[in-house]
Amino acid sequence: MTLYSRALTQYTYQAVDIGPGTLSQDFEADTGSVVSVTWKHARNTDPACVKDMGDQSYSAQVIPPPTSDPVGDSYTPNGPRFASISKNLQFIAGEDHFTLEFAGHAPGGCGPLITDVVAKVIGHVHR
C-alpha cells in the first residue's frame, strides 16, 4: 500500500493506493443501527503507474461478527484522470462492532486510490 499526499487527490485529503493488499478498519455502532459507509475512489494516475494502467479493481465489504454474512461488492474506477466517485454500503448492525475491509485486485503496486471513508449511523431498526 502507498499513502499519497493531499496534492495528488486534489481535495486536500490523503488517499491510499491499496495495490494488491488489504486494508481494514474496525468501527462501533449500536446493535440495530442502520449504518452507511461511504468513500471515494479513483484510478491511480501517479506517473509511475501510468505505464501500468492495468486492473485497478477492488472489493469493499463490511464484515460483521460471525453471526452475519458480509455485505459488499467489487468496484473498478474508470478513466485515466483522477475523478472521485462516491460509493456506498448500507447495512443493519447486528452487533455493536463491524470491520470495513478494502481488498485490492491489482497484481502490482498500482491499485486504485481510496479516500474520504466515512461510517455513520443514519437510523435505527425498531424491534
Protein backbone atom coordinates (compact mmCIF):
# COMPACT_ATOMS: atom_id res chain seq x y z
CA MET A 1 0.00 0.00 0.00
CA THR A 2 1.09 3.54 -0.71
CA LEU A 3 -0.14 6.67 1.04
CA TYR A 4 -0.49 9.65 -1.32
CA SER A 5 -0.32 13.27 -0.27
CA ARG A 6 -3.16 15.73 -0.37
CA ALA A 7 -1.78 17.34 -3.55
CA LEU A 8 -2.49 14.25 -5.67
CA THR A 9 -6.08 13.86 -4.53
CA GLN A 10 -6.89 17.49 -5.36
CA TYR A 11 -9.37 17.59 -2.49
CA THR A 12 -6.96 18.31 0.39
CA TYR A 13 -7.31 14.75 1.69
CA GLN A 14 -4.77 11.98 1.73
CA ALA A 15 -5.54 8.83 -0.27
CA VAL A 16 -4.26 5.27 -0.06
CA ASP A 17 -3.34 3.05 -3.02
CA ILE A 18 -4.38 -0.41 -1.82
CA GLY A 19 -2.47 -2.18 -4.61
CA PRO A 20 -2.80 -5.95 -4.15
CA GLY A 21 -3.15 -5.58 -0.36
CA THR A 22 -5.96 -5.48 2.15
CA LEU A 23 -6.84 -2.51 4.32
CA SER A 24 -9.28 -2.89 7.21
CA GLN A 25 -10.73 -0.65 9.89
CA ASP A 26 -12.89 -1.53 12.90
CA PHE A 27 -15.95 0.56 13.76
CA GLU A 28 -18.57 0.58 16.51
CA ALA A 29 -22.32 1.16 16.24
CA ASP A 30 -25.24 0.27 18.49
CA THR A 31 -26.94 -3.02 17.65
CA GLY A 32 -29.90 -2.34 15.34
CA SER A 33 -28.36 0.81 13.87
CA VAL A 34 -28.66 1.41 10.15
CA VAL A 35 -25.11 2.23 9.09
CA SER A 36 -24.00 3.89 5.87
CA VAL A 37 -20.36 3.58 4.80
CA THR A 38 -19.26 5.95 2.05
CA TRP A 39 -15.94 6.60 0.34
CA LYS A 40 -14.49 7.87 -2.90
CA HIS A 41 -12.32 6.01 -5.34
CA ALA A 42 -10.30 6.90 -8.39
CA ARG A 43 -7.81 5.34 -10.78
CA ASN A 44 -4.23 5.84 -9.68
CA THR A 45 -2.68 8.31 -12.13
CA ASP A 46 0.71 8.58 -10.42
CA PRO A 47 3.32 8.94 -13.22
CA ALA A 48 5.00 5.73 -12.02
CA CYS A 49 1.70 3.89 -12.60
CA VAL A 50 0.68 5.39 -15.96
CA LYS A 51 2.64 2.81 -17.95
CA ASP A 52 0.87 0.06 -15.98
CA MET A 53 -2.75 1.21 -16.13
CA GLY A 54 -3.99 -2.37 -15.80
CA ASP A 55 -6.58 -3.75 -13.43
CA GLN A 56 -7.33 -1.36 -10.59
CA SER A 57 -10.39 -3.20 -9.33
CA TYR A 58 -11.00 -3.87 -5.66
CA SER A 59 -13.66 -5.18 -3.34
CA ALA A 60 -15.12 -3.47 -0.32
CA GLN A 61 -17.08 -5.32 2.30
CA VAL A 62 -18.44 -4.90 5.77
CA ILE A 63 -17.50 -7.90 7.86
CA PRO A 64 -19.90 -8.22 10.77
CA PRO A 65 -19.38 -10.52 13.75
CA PRO A 66 -19.53 -14.26 12.90
CA THR A 67 -23.31 -14.44 13.21
CA SER A 68 -23.95 -12.46 10.00
CA ASP A 69 -22.92 -12.55 6.33
CA PRO A 70 -20.59 -9.91 4.84
CA VAL A 71 -22.10 -7.06 2.81
CA GLY A 72 -20.11 -5.76 -0.14
CA ASP A 73 -19.28 -5.67 -3.81
CA SER A 74 -16.44 -5.25 -6.31
CA TYR A 75 -15.63 -1.91 -7.90
CA THR A 76 -13.44 -0.64 -10.74
CA PRO A 77 -12.58 3.05 -11.07
CA ASN A 78 -12.77 4.14 -14.72
CA GLY A 79 -10.97 6.78 -16.74
CA PRO A 80 -7.35 7.92 -16.82
CA ARG A 81 -7.91 11.09 -14.73
CA PHE A 82 -8.44 11.47 -11.01
CA ALA A 83 -12.20 11.79 -10.69
CA SER A 84 -13.64 10.65 -7.37
CA ILE A 85 -16.87 8.72 -7.38
CA SER A 86 -18.85 8.22 -4.17
CA LYS A 87 -19.62 4.60 -3.29
CA ASN A 88 -21.87 3.36 -0.52
CA LEU A 89 -22.53 0.25 1.57
CA GLN A 90 -25.56 0.26 3.83
CA PHE A 91 -26.45 -2.38 6.43
CA ILE A 92 -28.06 -3.01 9.81
CA ALA A 93 -25.56 -3.55 12.62
CA GLY A 94 -26.25 -6.99 14.08
CA GLU A 95 -23.87 -6.35 16.96
CA ASP A 96 -22.03 -3.35 18.34
CA HIS A 97 -18.97 -3.58 16.09
CA PHE A 98 -18.01 -4.35 12.50
CA THR A 99 -14.98 -4.26 10.22
CA LEU A 100 -14.74 -2.47 6.88
CA GLU A 101 -12.28 -4.15 4.52
CA PHE A 102 -10.90 -2.99 1.16
CA ALA A 103 -9.05 -5.67 -0.85
CA GLY A 104 -7.12 -4.67 -3.97
CA HIS A 105 -7.04 -6.92 -7.02
CA ALA A 106 -4.18 -5.11 -8.82
CA PRO A 107 -1.34 -7.56 -9.46
CA GLY A 108 1.35 -4.90 -8.97
CA GLY A 109 1.67 -1.91 -6.68
CA CYS A 110 -0.54 0.40 -8.75
CA GLY A 111 -4.04 -0.04 -7.42
CA PRO A 112 -6.99 2.30 -7.03
CA LEU A 113 -6.96 5.30 -4.72
CA ILE A 114 -9.38 5.26 -1.80
CA THR A 115 -10.19 8.40 0.19
CA ASP A 116 -12.91 10.07 2.31
CA VAL A 117 -14.02 6.89 4.14
CA VAL A 118 -16.91 7.65 6.50
CA ALA A 119 -19.12 5.29 8.52
CA LYS A 120 -22.16 6.87 10.14
CA VAL A 121 -25.42 5.83 11.73
CA ILE A 122 -28.37 7.04 9.65
CA GLY A 123 -31.21 5.40 11.59
CA HIS A 124 -32.29 2.57 13.86
CA VAL A 125 -34.40 -0.53 13.35
CA HIS A 126 -37.23 -0.66 15.87
CA ARG A 127 -37.93 -4.12 17.21
